[in-house]
Amino acid sequence: MTEKLTIKAIKELLIDITEETDERMIKLQKDSRKGVVSAIQSWKRQQEKALKLEADYQRMLEFEHNIWENDLAYIAGIDEVGRGPLAGPVVAAAVILPQDFHILEINDSKQLSESKRDELYEKIKAEALAIGIGIKDERIIDKVNIYEATKLAMIEAVDNLTIDPQYLLIDAMVLDLPIPQSKLIKGDARSLSIAAASIIAKVTRDRMMKEYAMEYPGYGFEKNAGYGTKTHLAGLAEHGVTPIHRKTFAPVKNML
């Protein structure tokens, strides 16, 4: 029967097949045409990728599952972006995901392309129970130092949640809040809630820096997000320090 199907028709048929034990797949595997063999091999690679994505997804929910099992439904994952740049704010996000949340490919925002971050950002915003954002600009950073400013941004993000969290999962930080919490080193690669927060924070800050790029052209903020790239340093040398530069960060400090 499959011998009469075109390669295009077989590829379309494979889209609906999810198990190798499917009778249609068993019949297709008897087809020796090179195009069919190639299509089946491609299908198998896609299935392996899907299985790995699901396995990674379940691994990143282990912390959440352990907490949910203790009748704590509202877990806020917290992460920040922007500790290292020479310009712009530090941005933190707190995200509470529902227990039936199931969006694959969520990972540490640094491991994702910009287009994938934007795609996941919209999906997370649509399905999260609550999202809080905290922003501390260069004035606060210069006043209290970047580490303390990061803490303040994270606390602000928690305060801006519309649901009171019962537990906090925080990327490499402990917050002075009366809420049970866990500090996870490299948490954005270990906890789905933290990874979701990292995406929200990253996209939020990148969009802010693109707006600053229009206000302060010549530094490449739209591409470097305020980090000390060659273009940024050349802009500093040519145009000087802007109001959004961190005055306590070298080399900005050395130019004042």
C-alpha atoms as a PDB file:
ATOM      1  CA  MET A   1       0.000   0.000   0.000  1.00  0.00           C
ATOM      2  CA  THR A   2       2.759   2.433   0.954  1.00  0.00           C
ATOM      3  CA  GLU A   3       4.516   1.775  -2.358  1.00  0.00           C
ATOM      4  CA  LYS A   4       1.742   3.760  -4.050  1.00  0.00           C
ATOM      5  CA  LEU A   5       2.175   6.780  -1.771  1.00  0.00           C
ATOM      6  CA  THR A   6       4.390   9.622  -2.889  1.00  0.00           C
ATOM      7  CA  ILE A   7       7.336  10.649  -0.710  1.00  0.00           C
ATOM      8  CA  LYS A   8       5.507  13.911   0.041  1.00  0.00           C
ATOM      9  CA  ALA A   9       2.422  11.986   1.180  1.00  0.00           C
ATOM     10  CA  ILE A  10       4.555   9.744   3.384  1.00  0.00           C
ATOM     11  CA  LYS A  11       6.211  12.754   5.026  1.00  0.00           C
ATOM     12  CA  GLU A  12       2.773  14.170   5.776  1.00  0.00           C
ATOM     13  CA  LEU A  13       1.686  10.798   7.181  1.00  0.00           C
ATOM     14  CA  LEU A  14       4.718  10.686   9.482  1.00  0.00           C
ATOM     15  CA  ILE A  15       3.612  13.925  11.119  1.00  0.00           C
ATOM     16  CA  ASP A  16       0.676  12.070  12.678  1.00  0.00           C
ATOM     17  CA  ILE A  17       2.711   9.069  13.827  1.00  0.00           C
ATOM     18  CA  THR A  18       4.133   9.240  17.345  1.00  0.00           C
ATOM     19  CA  GLU A  19       4.992   5.591  18.060  1.00  0.00           C
ATOM     20  CA  GLU A  20       7.298   3.238  16.186  1.00  0.00           C
ATOM     21  CA  THR A  21       4.839   0.445  16.923  1.00  0.00           C
ATOM     22  CA  ASP A  22       2.137   2.245  14.929  1.00  0.00           C
ATOM     23  CA  GLU A  23       0.866  -0.098  12.190  1.00  0.00           C
ATOM     24  CA  ARG A  24       1.403   2.618   9.582  1.00  0.00           C
ATOM     25  CA  MET A  25       5.059   2.918  10.617  1.00  0.00           C
ATOM     26  CA  ILE A  26       5.527  -0.856  10.450  1.00  0.00           C
ATOM     27  CA  LYS A  27       4.244  -0.811   6.871  1.00  0.00           C
ATOM     28  CA  LEU A  28       6.356   2.206   5.946  1.00  0.00           C
ATOM     29  CA  GLN A  29       9.534   0.515   7.174  1.00  0.00           C
ATOM     30  CA  LYS A  30       9.027  -2.155   4.512  1.00  0.00           C
ATOM     31  CA  ASP A  31       9.291   0.500   1.819  1.00  0.00           C
ATOM     32  CA  SER A  32      12.864   0.433   0.497  1.00  0.00           C
ATOM     33  CA  ARG A  33      12.768   3.669  -1.465  1.00  0.00           C
ATOM     34  CA  LYS A  34      15.595   6.013  -0.465  1.00  0.00           C
ATOM     35  CA  GLY A  35      13.194   8.911   0.079  1.00  0.00           C
ATOM     36  CA  VAL A  36      11.105   6.838   2.466  1.00  0.00           C
ATOM     37  CA  VAL A  37      14.146   5.536   4.361  1.00  0.00           C
ATOM     38  CA  SER A  38      15.430   9.108   4.702  1.00  0.00           C
ATOM     39  CA  ALA A  39      12.030  10.357   5.888  1.00  0.00           C
ATOM     40  CA  ILE A  40      11.836   7.618   8.528  1.00  0.00           C
ATOM     41  CA  GLN A  41      15.363   8.403   9.752  1.00  0.00           C
ATOM     42  CA  SER A  42      14.394  12.079  10.035  1.00  0.00           C
ATOM     43  CA  TRP A  43      11.254  11.072  11.953  1.00  0.00           C
ATOM     44  CA  LYS A  44      13.339   9.007  14.375  1.00  0.00           C
ATOM     45  CA  ARG A  45      15.707  11.926  15.012  1.00  0.00           C
ATOM     46  CA  GLN A  46      12.749  14.198  15.716  1.00  0.00           C
ATOM     47  CA  GLN A  47      11.293  11.629  18.117  1.00  0.00           C
ATOM     48  CA  GLU A  48      14.623  11.358  19.956  1.00  0.00           C
ATOM     49  CA  LYS A  49      14.790  15.139  20.212  1.00  0.00           C
ATOM     50  CA  ALA A  50      11.235  15.264  21.565  1.00  0.00           C
ATOM     51  CA  LEU A  51      12.027  12.580  24.158  1.00  0.00           C
ATOM     52  CA  LYS A  52      15.118  14.475  25.269  1.00  0.00           C
ATOM     53  CA  LEU A  53      13.160  17.730  25.552  1.00  0.00           C
ATOM     54  CA  GLU A  54      10.551  16.007  27.693  1.00  0.00           C
ATOM     55  CA  ALA A  55      13.227  14.368  29.872  1.00  0.00           C
ATOM     56  CA  ASP A  56      14.997  17.728  30.346  1.00  0.00           C
ATOM     57  CA  TYR A  57      11.667  19.363  31.139  1.00  0.00           C
ATOM     58  CA  GLN A  58      10.850  16.783  33.830  1.00  0.00           C
ATOM     59  CA  ARG A  59      14.370  17.089  35.289  1.00  0.00           C
ATOM     60  CA  MET A  60      13.939  20.845  35.608  1.00  0.00           C
ATOM     61  CA  LEU A  61      10.693  20.361  37.524  1.00  0.00           C
ATOM     62  CA  GLU A  62      12.179  18.179  40.277  1.00  0.00           C
ATOM     63  CA  PHE A  63      12.522  21.051  42.773  1.00  0.00           C
ATOM     64  CA  GLU A  64       9.001  22.268  42.023  1.00  0.00           C
ATOM     65  CA  HIS A  65       7.481  18.791  42.379  1.00  0.00           C
ATOM     66  CA  ASN A  66       9.125  18.298  45.768  1.00  0.00           C
ATOM     67  CA  ILE A  67       7.647  21.579  46.984  1.00  0.00           C
ATOM     68  CA  TRP A  68       4.213  21.045  45.428  1.00  0.00           C
ATOM     69  CA  GLU A  69       4.023  17.692  47.225  1.00  0.00           C
ATOM     70  CA  ASN A  70       4.142  19.645  50.503  1.00  0.00           C
ATOM     71  CA  ASP A  71       0.935  21.492  49.552  1.00  0.00           C
ATOM     72  CA  LEU A  72       2.735  24.676  48.561  1.00  0.00           C
ATOM     73  CA  ALA A  73       1.113  25.589  45.258  1.00  0.00           C
ATOM     74  CA  TYR A  74       2.652  28.994  44.608  1.00  0.00           C
ATOM     75  CA  ILE A  75       6.374  28.746  43.895  1.00  0.00           C
ATOM     76  CA  ALA A  76       8.128  31.837  42.561  1.00  0.00           C
ATOM     77  CA  GLY A  77      11.214  31.263  40.458  1.00  0.00           C
ATOM     78  CA  ILE A  78      13.491  34.312  40.590  1.00  0.00           C
ATOM     79  CA  ASP A  79      16.378  35.366  38.366  1.00  0.00           C
ATOM     80  CA  GLU A  80      18.105  38.526  37.214  1.00  0.00           C
ATOM     81  CA  VAL A  81      19.822  39.886  34.130  1.00  0.00           C
ATOM     82  CA  GLY A  82      22.300  42.724  33.849  1.00  0.00           C
ATOM     83  CA  ARG A  83      24.874  42.406  36.606  1.00  0.00           C
ATOM     84  CA  GLY A  84      27.832  42.725  34.242  1.00  0.00           C
ATOM     85  CA  PRO A  85      27.025  45.542  31.773  1.00  0.00           C
ATOM     86  CA  LEU A  86      28.586  48.987  31.927  1.00  0.00           C
ATOM     87  CA  ALA A  87      25.241  50.664  31.239  1.00  0.00           C
ATOM     88  CA  GLY A  88      21.564  50.171  31.938  1.00  0.00           C
ATOM     89  CA  PRO A  89      19.625  48.680  34.841  1.00  0.00           C
ATOM     90  CA  VAL A  90      19.679  45.311  36.515  1.00  0.00           C
ATOM     91  CA  VAL A  91      16.345  43.598  35.904  1.00  0.00           C
ATOM     92  CA  ALA A  92      14.857  40.775  37.975  1.00  0.00           C
ATOM     93  CA  ALA A  93      11.790  38.663  37.346  1.00  0.00           C
ATOM     94  CA  ALA A  94       9.701  36.460  39.628  1.00  0.00           C
ATOM     95  CA  VAL A  95       7.473  33.896  37.919  1.00  0.00           C
ATOM     96  CA  ILE A  96       4.825  31.591  39.421  1.00  0.00           C
ATOM     97  CA  LEU A  97       3.949  28.736  37.074  1.00  0.00           C
ATOM     98  CA  PRO A  98       0.809  26.582  37.284  1.00  0.00           C
ATOM     99  CA  GLN A  99       1.283  22.915  38.133  1.00  0.00           C
ATOM    100  CA  ASP A 100      -0.089  21.865  34.740  1.00  0.00           C
ATOM    101  CA  PHE A 101       2.351  24.112  32.871  1.00  0.00           C
ATOM    102  CA  HIS A 102       3.884  22.208  29.969  1.00  0.00           C
ATOM    103  CA  ILE A 103       5.990  24.252  27.564  1.00  0.00           C
ATOM    104  CA  LEU A 104       9.157  22.555  26.374  1.00  0.00           C
ATOM    105  CA  GLU A 105      12.451  24.224  25.389  1.00  0.00           C
ATOM    106  CA  ILE A 106      12.481  26.546  28.404  1.00  0.00           C
ATOM    107  CA  ASN A 107      16.064  26.815  29.592  1.00  0.00           C
ATOM    108  CA  ASP A 108      18.621  29.307  30.827  1.00  0.00           C
ATOM    109  CA  SER A 109      17.941  32.399  28.684  1.00  0.00           C
ATOM    110  CA  LYS A 110      21.637  32.654  27.748  1.00  0.00           C
ATOM    111  CA  GLN A 111      21.364  29.297  25.967  1.00  0.00           C
ATOM    112  CA  LEU A 112      18.502  30.429  23.718  1.00  0.00           C
ATOM    113  CA  SER A 113      18.411  32.485  20.539  1.00  0.00           C
ATOM    114  CA  GLU A 114      16.718  35.879  20.645  1.00  0.00           C
ATOM    115  CA  SER A 115      13.826  34.638  18.513  1.00  0.00           C
ATOM    116  CA  LYS A 116      13.309  31.603  20.765  1.00  0.00           C
ATOM    117  CA  ARG A 117      13.432  33.809  23.897  1.00  0.00           C
ATOM    118  CA  ASP A 118      10.817  36.117  22.380  1.00  0.00           C
ATOM    119  CA  GLU A 119       8.606  33.138  21.518  1.00  0.00           C
ATOM    120  CA  LEU A 120       8.889  31.614  24.998  1.00  0.00           C
ATOM    121  CA  TYR A 121       8.438  35.030  26.634  1.00  0.00           C
ATOM    122  CA  GLU A 122       4.978  35.329  25.084  1.00  0.00           C
ATOM    123  CA  LYS A 123       4.049  31.759  26.046  1.00  0.00           C
ATOM    124  CA  ILE A 124       5.195  32.221  29.647  1.00  0.00           C
ATOM    125  CA  LYS A 125       3.304  35.515  29.942  1.00  0.00           C
ATOM    126  CA  ALA A 126       0.170  33.837  28.621  1.00  0.00           C
ATOM    127  CA  GLU A 127       0.261  30.858  31.003  1.00  0.00           C
ATOM    128  CA  ALA A 128       2.037  31.984  34.185  1.00  0.00           C
ATOM    129  CA  LEU A 129      -0.149  32.506  37.244  1.00  0.00           C
ATOM    130  CA  ALA A 130       1.794  35.651  38.115  1.00  0.00           C
ATOM    131  CA  ILE A 131       4.838  37.605  36.940  1.00  0.00           C
ATOM    132  CA  GLY A 132       6.637  40.336  38.863  1.00  0.00           C
ATOM    133  CA  ILE A 133       9.392  42.600  37.518  1.00  0.00           C
ATOM    134  CA  GLY A 134      11.989  44.492  39.553  1.00  0.00           C
ATOM    135  CA  ILE A 135      14.253  47.154  38.037  1.00  0.00           C
ATOM    136  CA  LYS A 136      17.123  49.029  39.658  1.00  0.00           C
ATOM    137  CA  ASP A 137      18.841  51.626  37.522  1.00  0.00           C
ATOM    138  CA  GLU A 138      22.422  52.860  37.378  1.00  0.00           C
ATOM    139  CA  ARG A 139      21.876  55.348  40.218  1.00  0.00           C
ATOM    140  CA  ILE A 140      20.908  52.603  42.671  1.00  0.00           C
ATOM    141  CA  ILE A 141      23.694  50.356  41.361  1.00  0.00           C
ATOM    142  CA  ASP A 142      26.283  53.093  41.896  1.00  0.00           C
ATOM    143  CA  LYS A 143      24.877  53.884  45.330  1.00  0.00           C
ATOM    144  CA  VAL A 144      24.641  50.426  46.898  1.00  0.00           C
ATOM    145  CA  ASN A 145      26.799  48.248  44.503  1.00  0.00           C
ATOM    146  CA  ILE A 146      25.577  45.758  41.931  1.00  0.00           C
ATOM    147  CA  TYR A 147      25.184  42.827  44.347  1.00  0.00           C
ATOM    148  CA  GLU A 148      22.876  44.743  46.680  1.00  0.00           C
ATOM    149  CA  ALA A 149      21.037  46.314  43.749  1.00  0.00           C
ATOM    150  CA  THR A 150      20.388  42.823  42.396  1.00  0.00           C
ATOM    151  CA  LYS A 151      18.862  41.793  45.721  1.00  0.00           C
ATOM    152  CA  LEU A 152      16.680  44.901  45.743  1.00  0.00           C
ATOM    153  CA  ALA A 153      15.498  44.173  42.189  1.00  0.00           C
ATOM    154  CA  MET A 154      14.622  40.595  43.156  1.00  0.00           C
ATOM    155  CA  ILE A 155      12.709  41.715  46.234  1.00  0.00           C
ATOM    156  CA  GLU A 156      10.843  44.269  44.128  1.00  0.00           C
ATOM    157  CA  ALA A 157       9.968  41.533  41.629  1.00  0.00           C
ATOM    158  CA  VAL A 158       8.493  39.412  44.433  1.00  0.00           C
ATOM    159  CA  ASP A 159       6.586  42.424  45.794  1.00  0.00           C
ATOM    160  CA  ASN A 160       5.115  43.022  42.325  1.00  0.00           C
ATOM    161  CA  LEU A 161       3.602  39.543  42.073  1.00  0.00           C
ATOM    162  CA  THR A 162      -0.197  39.535  42.139  1.00  0.00           C
ATOM    163  CA  ILE A 163      -0.147  36.239  44.081  1.00  0.00           C
ATOM    164  CA  ASP A 164       1.708  35.852  47.380  1.00  0.00           C
ATOM    165  CA  PRO A 165       4.322  33.131  46.838  1.00  0.00           C
ATOM    166  CA  GLN A 166       4.592  30.320  49.383  1.00  0.00           C
ATOM    167  CA  TYR A 167       8.128  29.371  48.391  1.00  0.00           C
ATOM    168  CA  LEU A 168      10.996  31.000  46.476  1.00  0.00           C
ATOM    169  CA  LEU A 169      13.486  29.302  44.178  1.00  0.00           C
ATOM    170  CA  ILE A 170      16.276  31.817  43.617  1.00  0.00           C
ATOM    171  CA  ASP A 171      19.243  31.724  41.272  1.00  0.00           C
ATOM    172  CA  ALA A 172      22.392  31.926  43.433  1.00  0.00           C
ATOM    173  CA  MET A 173      20.956  34.391  45.950  1.00  0.00           C
ATOM    174  CA  VAL A 174      19.330  34.576  49.381  1.00  0.00           C
ATOM    175  CA  LEU A 175      16.730  37.282  49.941  1.00  0.00           C
ATOM    176  CA  ASP A 176      15.807  38.979  53.196  1.00  0.00           C
ATOM    177  CA  LEU A 177      12.159  37.985  52.948  1.00  0.00           C
ATOM    178  CA  PRO A 178       9.953  36.039  55.411  1.00  0.00           C
ATOM    179  CA  ILE A 179       9.248  33.365  52.809  1.00  0.00           C
ATOM    180  CA  PRO A 180      10.743  29.840  52.695  1.00  0.00           C
ATOM    181  CA  GLN A 181      13.348  29.757  49.959  1.00  0.00           C
ATOM    182  CA  SER A 182      16.143  27.801  48.311  1.00  0.00           C
ATOM    183  CA  LYS A 183      19.283  29.227  46.744  1.00  0.00           C
ATOM    184  CA  LEU A 184      20.172  27.231  43.638  1.00  0.00           C
ATOM    185  CA  ILE A 185      23.578  27.629  42.014  1.00  0.00           C
ATOM    186  CA  LYS A 186      23.050  27.765  38.237  1.00  0.00           C
ATOM    187  CA  GLY A 187      19.359  27.623  39.040  1.00  0.00           C
ATOM    188  CA  ASP A 188      18.360  28.807  35.563  1.00  0.00           C
ATOM    189  CA  ALA A 189      19.575  25.451  34.233  1.00  0.00           C
ATOM    190  CA  ARG A 190      18.116  23.393  37.100  1.00  0.00           C
ATOM    191  CA  SER A 191      14.664  24.813  37.819  1.00  0.00           C
ATOM    192  CA  LEU A 192      11.928  25.490  35.282  1.00  0.00           C
ATOM    193  CA  SER A 193      10.530  28.362  37.367  1.00  0.00           C
ATOM    194  CA  ILE A 194      13.929  30.070  37.531  1.00  0.00           C
ATOM    195  CA  ALA A 195      14.540  29.449  33.820  1.00  0.00           C
ATOM    196  CA  ALA A 196      11.177  31.045  33.025  1.00  0.00           C
ATOM    197  CA  ALA A 197      12.136  34.039  35.184  1.00  0.00           C
ATOM    198  CA  SER A 198      15.477  34.330  33.378  1.00  0.00           C
ATOM    199  CA  ILE A 199      13.664  34.542  30.022  1.00  0.00           C
ATOM    200  CA  ILE A 200      11.225  37.177  31.275  1.00  0.00           C
ATOM    201  CA  ALA A 201      14.059  39.239  32.781  1.00  0.00           C
ATOM    202  CA  LYS A 202      16.305  38.914  29.725  1.00  0.00           C
ATOM    203  CA  VAL A 203      13.666  39.894  27.171  1.00  0.00           C
ATOM    204  CA  THR A 204      12.460  42.764  29.374  1.00  0.00           C
ATOM    205  CA  ARG A 205      15.962  44.190  29.755  1.00  0.00           C
ATOM    206  CA  ASP A 206      16.982  43.666  26.113  1.00  0.00           C
ATOM    207  CA  ARG A 207      13.925  45.601  24.979  1.00  0.00           C
ATOM    208  CA  MET A 208      14.772  48.404  27.389  1.00  0.00           C
ATOM    209  CA  MET A 209      18.309  48.571  26.010  1.00  0.00           C
ATOM    210  CA  LYS A 210      16.999  48.749  22.431  1.00  0.00           C
ATOM    211  CA  GLU A 211      14.959  51.779  23.448  1.00  0.00           C
ATOM    212  CA  TYR A 212      18.042  53.317  25.060  1.00  0.00           C
ATOM    213  CA  ALA A 213      19.920  52.677  21.801  1.00  0.00           C
ATOM    214  CA  MET A 214      17.571  55.103  20.051  1.00  0.00           C
ATOM    215  CA  GLU A 215      18.054  57.686  22.794  1.00  0.00           C
ATOM    216  CA  TYR A 216      21.829  57.215  22.955  1.00  0.00           C
ATOM    217  CA  PRO A 217      23.057  56.100  19.518  1.00  0.00           C
ATOM    218  CA  GLY A 218      26.664  55.169  18.881  1.00  0.00           C
ATOM    219  CA  TYR A 219      27.187  52.643  21.678  1.00  0.00           C
ATOM    220  CA  GLY A 220      25.529  49.604  20.116  1.00  0.00           C
ATOM    221  CA  PHE A 221      23.109  49.107  23.018  1.00  0.00           C
ATOM    222  CA  GLU A 222      20.646  47.401  20.651  1.00  0.00           C
ATOM    223  CA  LYS A 223      23.175  44.588  20.135  1.00  0.00           C
ATOM    224  CA  ASN A 224      25.403  44.526  23.237  1.00  0.00           C
ATOM    225  CA  ALA A 225      22.708  45.354  25.853  1.00  0.00           C
ATOM    226  CA  GLY A 226      25.214  47.606  27.613  1.00  0.00           C
ATOM    227  CA  TYR A 227      28.026  45.057  27.954  1.00  0.00           C
ATOM    228  CA  GLY A 228      31.561  46.287  27.327  1.00  0.00           C
ATOM    229  CA  THR A 229      31.962  45.216  23.715  1.00  0.00           C
ATOM    230  CA  LYS A 230      34.404  46.759  21.257  1.00  0.00           C
ATOM    231  CA  THR A 231      31.611  48.868  19.750  1.00  0.00           C
ATOM    232  CA  HIS A 232      30.487  50.046  23.181  1.00  0.00           C
ATOM    233  CA  LEU A 233      34.012  51.009  24.258  1.00  0.00           C
ATOM    234  CA  ALA A 234      34.563  52.844  20.966  1.00  0.00           C
ATOM    235  CA  GLY A 235      31.310  54.719  21.597  1.00  0.00           C
ATOM    236  CA  LEU A 236      32.482  55.684  25.064  1.00  0.00           C
ATOM    237  CA  ALA A 237      35.738  57.004  23.673  1.00  0.00           C
ATOM    238  CA  GLU A 238      33.968  59.010  20.958  1.00  0.00           C
ATOM    239  CA  HIS A 239      30.786  60.181  22.656  1.00  0.00           C
ATOM    240  CA  GLY A 240      31.616  60.017  26.356  1.00  0.00           C
ATOM    241  CA  VAL A 241      29.538  58.802  29.299  1.00  0.00           C
ATOM    242  CA  THR A 242      25.717  58.790  29.088  1.00  0.00           C
ATOM    243  CA  PRO A 243      23.286  59.199  32.005  1.00  0.00           C
ATOM    244  CA  ILE A 244      22.603  55.433  31.968  1.00  0.00           C
ATOM    245  CA  HIS A 245      26.238  54.422  32.391  1.00  0.00           C
ATOM    246  CA  ARG A 246      27.311  52.953  35.722  1.00  0.00           C
ATOM    247  CA  LYS A 247      29.749  55.487  37.105  1.00  0.00           C
ATOM    248  CA  THR A 248      31.365  53.031  39.540  1.00  0.00           C
ATOM    249  CA  PHE A 249      32.198  50.487  36.824  1.00  0.00           C
ATOM    250  CA  ALA A 250      35.572  50.561  35.070  1.00  0.00           C
ATOM    251  CA  PRO A 251      36.271  51.746  32.402  1.00  0.00           C
ATOM    252  CA  VAL A 252      33.429  54.274  32.850  1.00  0.00           C
ATOM    253  CA  LYS A 253      34.820  55.280  36.243  1.00  0.00           C
ATOM    254  CA  ASN A 254      38.244  55.916  34.695  1.00  0.00           C
ATOM    255  CA  MET A 255      36.754  58.352  32.180  1.00  0.00           C
ATOM    256  CA  LEU A 256      35.161  60.606  34.785  1.00  0.00           C
END
